Every structure is written in structure tokens, then in C-alpha cells.
Amino acid sequence: MKSKNIIIFAVIILAIIIGLGFLGSQSGGGLSKKASIASASILSALEKDFDFGTIAMKNGNVSKVFELKNDGAEPIVINKVYTSCMCTTAEITDAKGETSGPYGMPGHGGGISTANVKVGAGETIKVKAIFNPAAHGPSGIGLANRTVFIETNSSQTPKVELNFRAMVTN
């Protein structure tokens, strides 16, 4: 009887430890994540959609540079950048000319997604979207619609989406 009580007690303690570990992972780990104070500024895209037209797989990658401007009086922090597909990556060039990335599709070898790029009041940054039309092989022929997602600390523009399309041929 005593060994049965010890086993039950051990199982209860183990369940409590696992539960506390789960709760700790859901809360973001306390101090391990940087807190990003919300900004009232707006991160506006001068152009949100672009059409490459018809492009040939054999000609390799194509790219488009989008410009984003902080139209407010407070700095904005770009927390994350990621893409809708593994065939697309993005790079950010800040107002000082420093480039970060490549950012890609999470979980598919797409590189990093945490950006931590500061955009000062009135500053403009460049987001380069790079599309590899050959990434999907022959099944990638046809219309491709892709998106670069930018998550910020702005309460006005918490997520900016930059879209492009291309008609992919051999």
C-alpha cells in the first residue's frame, strides 16, 4: 500500500512540474523576451502591391524594393519579418544603410524572423523582396502570389503586408 501511495505522489509532483513548465513557456519566459512598448506612429508603405508580369524560371531570381516610412513622431520597432512561401526572402535596409536578413518562411529553412529594426520618426527604410521562381520546380509554373509580412510595435500598423505577383513560365 505504501508503494502505491509513493507512486501516486510522484505522479502528482511530476504533473505539477510539467504544468508549471508549460505555463512558463506560454508566458514568454519572463525576462528572456524584450518588451516592445507600443508606438502610436504609423508605418506606411509607399507601394504595397507589385506585379512582375511574366518571368521565366530559367532567368533566376527577381526582386522588388518596397519603401516604408514612419509617418509619426515616435520610433517604430519592426519585431518580426517573414514570408508566405519558402521561395521568397526579404532583407531590410534601415535609414543608416545597414542591411538585416534574410528573412523567410518560418519552419522551412527561411532564416531568421526576429528583426528588432528601429525606424525613427520620419525615417524611410527599404524592404527588398526576393522571389526565386525555380524554387518549386516545374510545378511552380503559373501565377504566383507572395507576401512579405512585417510585424511592428505600432498600435496603428501592427502588421504591414507587402504583396507581389508573377506569371512564371519555363
C-alpha atoms as a PDB file:
ATOM      1  CA  MET A   1       0.000   0.000   0.000  1.00  0.00           C
ATOM      2  CA  LYS A   2       2.837   2.390   0.831  1.00  0.00           C
ATOM      3  CA  SER A   3       4.497   1.904  -2.554  1.00  0.00           C
ATOM      4  CA  LYS A   4       1.185   2.668  -4.294  1.00  0.00           C
ATOM      5  CA  ASN A   5       0.904   5.968  -2.361  1.00  0.00           C
ATOM      6  CA  ILE A   6       4.507   6.862  -3.243  1.00  0.00           C
ATOM      7  CA  ILE A   7       3.823   6.257  -6.946  1.00  0.00           C
ATOM      8  CA  ILE A   8       0.645   8.376  -6.844  1.00  0.00           C
ATOM      9  CA  PHE A   9       2.511  11.155  -5.025  1.00  0.00           C
ATOM     10  CA  ALA A  10       5.368  11.025  -7.572  1.00  0.00           C
ATOM     11  CA  VAL A  11       2.905  11.221 -10.489  1.00  0.00           C
ATOM     12  CA  ILE A  12       1.173  14.251  -8.924  1.00  0.00           C
ATOM     13  CA  ILE A  13       4.511  16.040  -8.360  1.00  0.00           C
ATOM     14  CA  LEU A  14       5.589  15.257 -11.939  1.00  0.00           C
ATOM     15  CA  ALA A  15       2.273  16.609 -13.297  1.00  0.00           C
ATOM     16  CA  ILE A  16       2.735  19.825 -11.299  1.00  0.00           C
ATOM     17  CA  ILE A  17       6.295  20.278 -12.610  1.00  0.00           C
ATOM     18  CA  ILE A  18       5.189  19.694 -16.216  1.00  0.00           C
ATOM     19  CA  GLY A  19       2.249  22.083 -15.754  1.00  0.00           C
ATOM     20  CA  LEU A  20       4.489  24.833 -14.366  1.00  0.00           C
ATOM     21  CA  GLY A  21       6.928  24.331 -17.239  1.00  0.00           C
ATOM     22  CA  PHE A  22       4.084  24.637 -19.738  1.00  0.00           C
ATOM     23  CA  LEU A  23       2.763  27.820 -18.111  1.00  0.00           C
ATOM     24  CA  GLY A  24       6.255  29.317 -18.092  1.00  0.00           C
ATOM     25  CA  SER A  25       6.710  28.645 -21.799  1.00  0.00           C
ATOM     26  CA  GLN A  26       3.323  30.222 -22.599  1.00  0.00           C
ATOM     27  CA  SER A  27       4.124  33.421 -20.719  1.00  0.00           C
ATOM     28  CA  GLY A  28       7.167  34.097 -22.894  1.00  0.00           C
ATOM     29  CA  GLY A  29       9.750  33.141 -20.315  1.00  0.00           C
ATOM     30  CA  GLY A  30       9.663  36.351 -18.310  1.00  0.00           C
ATOM     31  CA  LEU A  31      12.867  38.268 -18.954  1.00  0.00           C
ATOM     32  CA  SER A  32      14.020  36.293 -21.991  1.00  0.00           C
ATOM     33  CA  LYS A  33      11.865  38.303 -24.410  1.00  0.00           C
ATOM     34  CA  LYS A  34      12.392  42.022 -24.922  1.00  0.00           C
ATOM     35  CA  ALA A  35       9.326  44.072 -24.182  1.00  0.00           C
ATOM     36  CA  SER A  36       8.396  46.342 -27.055  1.00  0.00           C
ATOM     37  CA  ILE A  37       6.478  49.423 -25.935  1.00  0.00           C
ATOM     38  CA  ALA A  38       3.618  50.285 -28.285  1.00  0.00           C
ATOM     39  CA  SER A  39       4.120  53.208 -30.626  1.00  0.00           C
ATOM     40  CA  ALA A  40       1.333  55.466 -31.902  1.00  0.00           C
ATOM     41  CA  SER A  41       3.245  56.142 -35.135  1.00  0.00           C
ATOM     42  CA  ILE A  42       2.188  54.694 -38.489  1.00  0.00           C
ATOM     43  CA  LEU A  43       4.490  52.653 -40.728  1.00  0.00           C
ATOM     44  CA  SER A  44       3.169  53.328 -44.210  1.00  0.00           C
ATOM     45  CA  ALA A  45       4.140  51.605 -47.430  1.00  0.00           C
ATOM     46  CA  LEU A  46       4.564  53.888 -50.405  1.00  0.00           C
ATOM     47  CA  GLU A  47       3.578  50.849 -52.515  1.00  0.00           C
ATOM     48  CA  LYS A  48       2.017  47.653 -51.116  1.00  0.00           C
ATOM     49  CA  ASP A  49       1.439  45.644 -54.290  1.00  0.00           C
ATOM     50  CA  PHE A  50       3.700  44.925 -57.257  1.00  0.00           C
ATOM     51  CA  ASP A  51       3.303  42.868 -60.427  1.00  0.00           C
ATOM     52  CA  PHE A  52       6.466  41.436 -62.022  1.00  0.00           C
ATOM     53  CA  GLY A  53       4.433  40.458 -65.071  1.00  0.00           C
ATOM     54  CA  THR A  54       5.670  37.351 -66.894  1.00  0.00           C
ATOM     55  CA  ILE A  55       9.018  35.988 -65.736  1.00  0.00           C
ATOM     56  CA  ALA A  56      10.954  32.908 -66.860  1.00  0.00           C
ATOM     57  CA  MET A  57      12.205  30.343 -64.366  1.00  0.00           C
ATOM     58  CA  LYS A  58      15.457  30.000 -66.295  1.00  0.00           C
ATOM     59  CA  ASN A  59      16.296  33.693 -65.755  1.00  0.00           C
ATOM     60  CA  GLY A  60      16.640  33.256 -61.994  1.00  0.00           C
ATOM     61  CA  ASN A  61      15.605  35.418 -59.076  1.00  0.00           C
ATOM     62  CA  VAL A  62      13.715  38.687 -59.358  1.00  0.00           C
ATOM     63  CA  SER A  63      13.448  41.326 -56.663  1.00  0.00           C
ATOM     64  CA  LYS A  64      11.425  44.375 -55.742  1.00  0.00           C
ATOM     65  CA  VAL A  65      12.368  47.084 -53.245  1.00  0.00           C
ATOM     66  CA  PHE A  66       9.453  48.467 -51.229  1.00  0.00           C
ATOM     67  CA  GLU A  67       9.833  51.640 -49.173  1.00  0.00           C
ATOM     68  CA  LEU A  68       8.240  52.046 -45.749  1.00  0.00           C
ATOM     69  CA  LYS A  69       8.067  55.354 -43.894  1.00  0.00           C
ATOM     70  CA  ASN A  70       7.447  56.134 -40.245  1.00  0.00           C
ATOM     71  CA  ASP A  71       4.833  58.887 -40.554  1.00  0.00           C
ATOM     72  CA  GLY A  72       4.678  59.575 -36.830  1.00  0.00           C
ATOM     73  CA  ALA A  73       6.566  61.377 -34.093  1.00  0.00           C
ATOM     74  CA  GLU A  74       7.650  58.220 -32.228  1.00  0.00           C
ATOM     75  CA  PRO A  75      10.066  55.482 -33.306  1.00  0.00           C
ATOM     76  CA  ILE A  76       8.649  52.168 -34.505  1.00  0.00           C
ATOM     77  CA  VAL A  77      10.310  48.809 -33.911  1.00  0.00           C
ATOM     78  CA  ILE A  78       9.971  46.081 -36.532  1.00  0.00           C
ATOM     79  CA  ASN A  79       9.801  42.962 -34.385  1.00  0.00           C
ATOM     80  CA  LYS A  80       9.391  40.221 -36.999  1.00  0.00           C
ATOM     81  CA  VAL A  81       9.690  39.789 -40.751  1.00  0.00           C
ATOM     82  CA  TYR A  82       8.633  36.624 -42.566  1.00  0.00           C
ATOM     83  CA  THR A  83       7.329  35.495 -45.946  1.00  0.00           C
ATOM     84  CA  SER A  84       4.386  33.472 -47.196  1.00  0.00           C
ATOM     85  CA  CYS A  85       6.481  30.901 -49.049  1.00  0.00           C
ATOM     86  CA  MET A  86       9.910  29.310 -48.999  1.00  0.00           C
ATOM     87  CA  CYS A  87      10.562  30.683 -52.490  1.00  0.00           C
ATOM     88  CA  THR A  88      10.602  34.224 -51.117  1.00  0.00           C
ATOM     89  CA  THR A  89      13.040  36.002 -48.817  1.00  0.00           C
ATOM     90  CA  ALA A  90      13.277  39.585 -47.627  1.00  0.00           C
ATOM     91  CA  GLU A  91      16.014  41.946 -46.496  1.00  0.00           C
ATOM     92  CA  ILE A  92      15.659  45.259 -44.667  1.00  0.00           C
ATOM     93  CA  THR A  93      17.952  48.220 -45.210  1.00  0.00           C
ATOM     94  CA  ASP A  94      17.500  50.814 -42.483  1.00  0.00           C
ATOM     95  CA  ALA A  95      17.915  54.593 -42.748  1.00  0.00           C
ATOM     96  CA  LYS A  96      21.640  54.247 -41.902  1.00  0.00           C
ATOM     97  CA  GLY A  97      22.176  51.833 -44.799  1.00  0.00           C
ATOM     98  CA  GLU A  98      22.599  48.733 -42.612  1.00  0.00           C
ATOM     99  CA  THR A  99      21.028  45.575 -44.039  1.00  0.00           C
ATOM    100  CA  SER A 100      19.469  42.763 -41.996  1.00  0.00           C
ATOM    101  CA  GLY A 101      18.094  39.414 -43.057  1.00  0.00           C
ATOM    102  CA  PRO A 102      17.498  37.290 -44.980  1.00  0.00           C
ATOM    103  CA  TYR A 103      14.051  36.689 -43.558  1.00  0.00           C
ATOM    104  CA  GLY A 104      11.994  33.821 -44.934  1.00  0.00           C
ATOM    105  CA  MET A 105       9.151  31.434 -44.306  1.00  0.00           C
ATOM    106  CA  PRO A 106       9.191  30.173 -40.711  1.00  0.00           C
ATOM    107  CA  GLY A 107       9.793  26.457 -40.357  1.00  0.00           C
ATOM    108  CA  HIS A 108      11.044  25.973 -43.906  1.00  0.00           C
ATOM    109  CA  GLY A 109      14.683  26.969 -43.639  1.00  0.00           C
ATOM    110  CA  GLY A 110      13.672  30.562 -44.217  1.00  0.00           C
ATOM    111  CA  GLY A 111      16.292  32.048 -41.963  1.00  0.00           C
ATOM    112  CA  ILE A 112      15.529  34.335 -39.069  1.00  0.00           C
ATOM    113  CA  SER A 113      12.233  36.082 -38.404  1.00  0.00           C
ATOM    114  CA  THR A 114      13.153  38.236 -35.392  1.00  0.00           C
ATOM    115  CA  ALA A 115      14.180  41.618 -36.758  1.00  0.00           C
ATOM    116  CA  ASN A 116      14.421  44.255 -33.994  1.00  0.00           C
ATOM    117  CA  VAL A 117      14.877  47.057 -36.552  1.00  0.00           C
ATOM    118  CA  LYS A 118      14.203  50.591 -35.315  1.00  0.00           C
ATOM    119  CA  VAL A 119      12.584  53.106 -37.678  1.00  0.00           C
ATOM    120  CA  GLY A 120      12.926  56.613 -36.300  1.00  0.00           C
ATOM    121  CA  ALA A 121      10.271  59.297 -36.691  1.00  0.00           C
ATOM    122  CA  GLY A 122      10.222  60.461 -40.306  1.00  0.00           C
ATOM    123  CA  GLU A 123      12.700  57.794 -41.440  1.00  0.00           C
ATOM    124  CA  THR A 124      12.263  55.610 -44.509  1.00  0.00           C
ATOM    125  CA  ILE A 125      13.525  52.045 -44.769  1.00  0.00           C
ATOM    126  CA  LYS A 126      13.747  49.672 -47.724  1.00  0.00           C
ATOM    127  CA  VAL A 127      12.386  46.137 -47.788  1.00  0.00           C
ATOM    128  CA  LYS A 128      13.755  44.025 -50.620  1.00  0.00           C
ATOM    129  CA  ALA A 129      11.533  41.068 -51.568  1.00  0.00           C
ATOM    130  CA  ILE A 130      13.446  38.363 -53.460  1.00  0.00           C
ATOM    131  CA  PHE A 131      11.500  35.718 -55.381  1.00  0.00           C
ATOM    132  CA  ASN A 132      13.043  32.504 -56.706  1.00  0.00           C
ATOM    133  CA  PRO A 133      10.699  31.302 -59.484  1.00  0.00           C
ATOM    134  CA  ALA A 134      12.556  27.978 -59.780  1.00  0.00           C
ATOM    135  CA  ALA A 135      12.134  27.023 -56.103  1.00  0.00           C
ATOM    136  CA  HIS A 136       9.070  24.859 -56.790  1.00  0.00           C
ATOM    137  CA  GLY A 137      10.426  23.241 -59.944  1.00  0.00           C
ATOM    138  CA  PRO A 138       8.093  22.512 -62.875  1.00  0.00           C
ATOM    139  CA  SER A 139       5.026  22.604 -60.615  1.00  0.00           C
ATOM    140  CA  GLY A 140       5.745  26.295 -59.981  1.00  0.00           C
ATOM    141  CA  ILE A 141       4.684  27.361 -63.471  1.00  0.00           C
ATOM    142  CA  GLY A 142       1.712  29.705 -63.439  1.00  0.00           C
ATOM    143  CA  LEU A 143       0.538  32.572 -61.286  1.00  0.00           C
ATOM    144  CA  ALA A 144       2.445  33.137 -58.044  1.00  0.00           C
ATOM    145  CA  ASN A 145       1.140  35.493 -55.342  1.00  0.00           C
ATOM    146  CA  ARG A 146       3.523  36.050 -52.420  1.00  0.00           C
ATOM    147  CA  THR A 147       3.633  38.266 -49.329  1.00  0.00           C
ATOM    148  CA  VAL A 148       6.261  39.707 -47.003  1.00  0.00           C
ATOM    149  CA  PHE A 149       4.810  40.189 -43.503  1.00  0.00           C
ATOM    150  CA  ILE A 150       6.216  42.851 -41.189  1.00  0.00           C
ATOM    151  CA  GLU A 151       5.128  42.900 -37.529  1.00  0.00           C
ATOM    152  CA  THR A 152       5.742  46.101 -35.561  1.00  0.00           C
ATOM    153  CA  ASN A 153       5.131  47.643 -32.154  1.00  0.00           C
ATOM    154  CA  SER A 154       2.838  50.249 -33.751  1.00  0.00           C
ATOM    155  CA  SER A 155      -0.689  50.279 -32.376  1.00  0.00           C
ATOM    156  CA  GLN A 156      -1.815  51.819 -35.690  1.00  0.00           C
ATOM    157  CA  THR A 157       0.006  49.428 -38.052  1.00  0.00           C
ATOM    158  CA  PRO A 158       0.882  46.284 -36.086  1.00  0.00           C
ATOM    159  CA  LYS A 159       1.245  44.290 -39.324  1.00  0.00           C
ATOM    160  CA  VAL A 160       2.231  45.533 -42.769  1.00  0.00           C
ATOM    161  CA  GLU A 161       1.856  43.253 -45.790  1.00  0.00           C
ATOM    162  CA  LEU A 162       3.859  43.748 -48.975  1.00  0.00           C
ATOM    163  CA  ASN A 163       2.487  41.715 -51.877  1.00  0.00           C
ATOM    164  CA  PHE A 164       3.766  40.782 -55.299  1.00  0.00           C
ATOM    165  CA  ARG A 165       2.672  38.555 -58.110  1.00  0.00           C
ATOM    166  CA  ALA A 166       4.322  36.994 -61.125  1.00  0.00           C
ATOM    167  CA  MET A 167       3.299  34.784 -64.014  1.00  0.00           C
ATOM    168  CA  VAL A 168       6.039  32.136 -64.023  1.00  0.00           C
ATOM    169  CA  THR A 169       6.994  30.392 -67.275  1.00  0.00           C
ATOM    170  CA  ASN A 170       9.760  27.960 -68.239  1.00  0.00           C
END
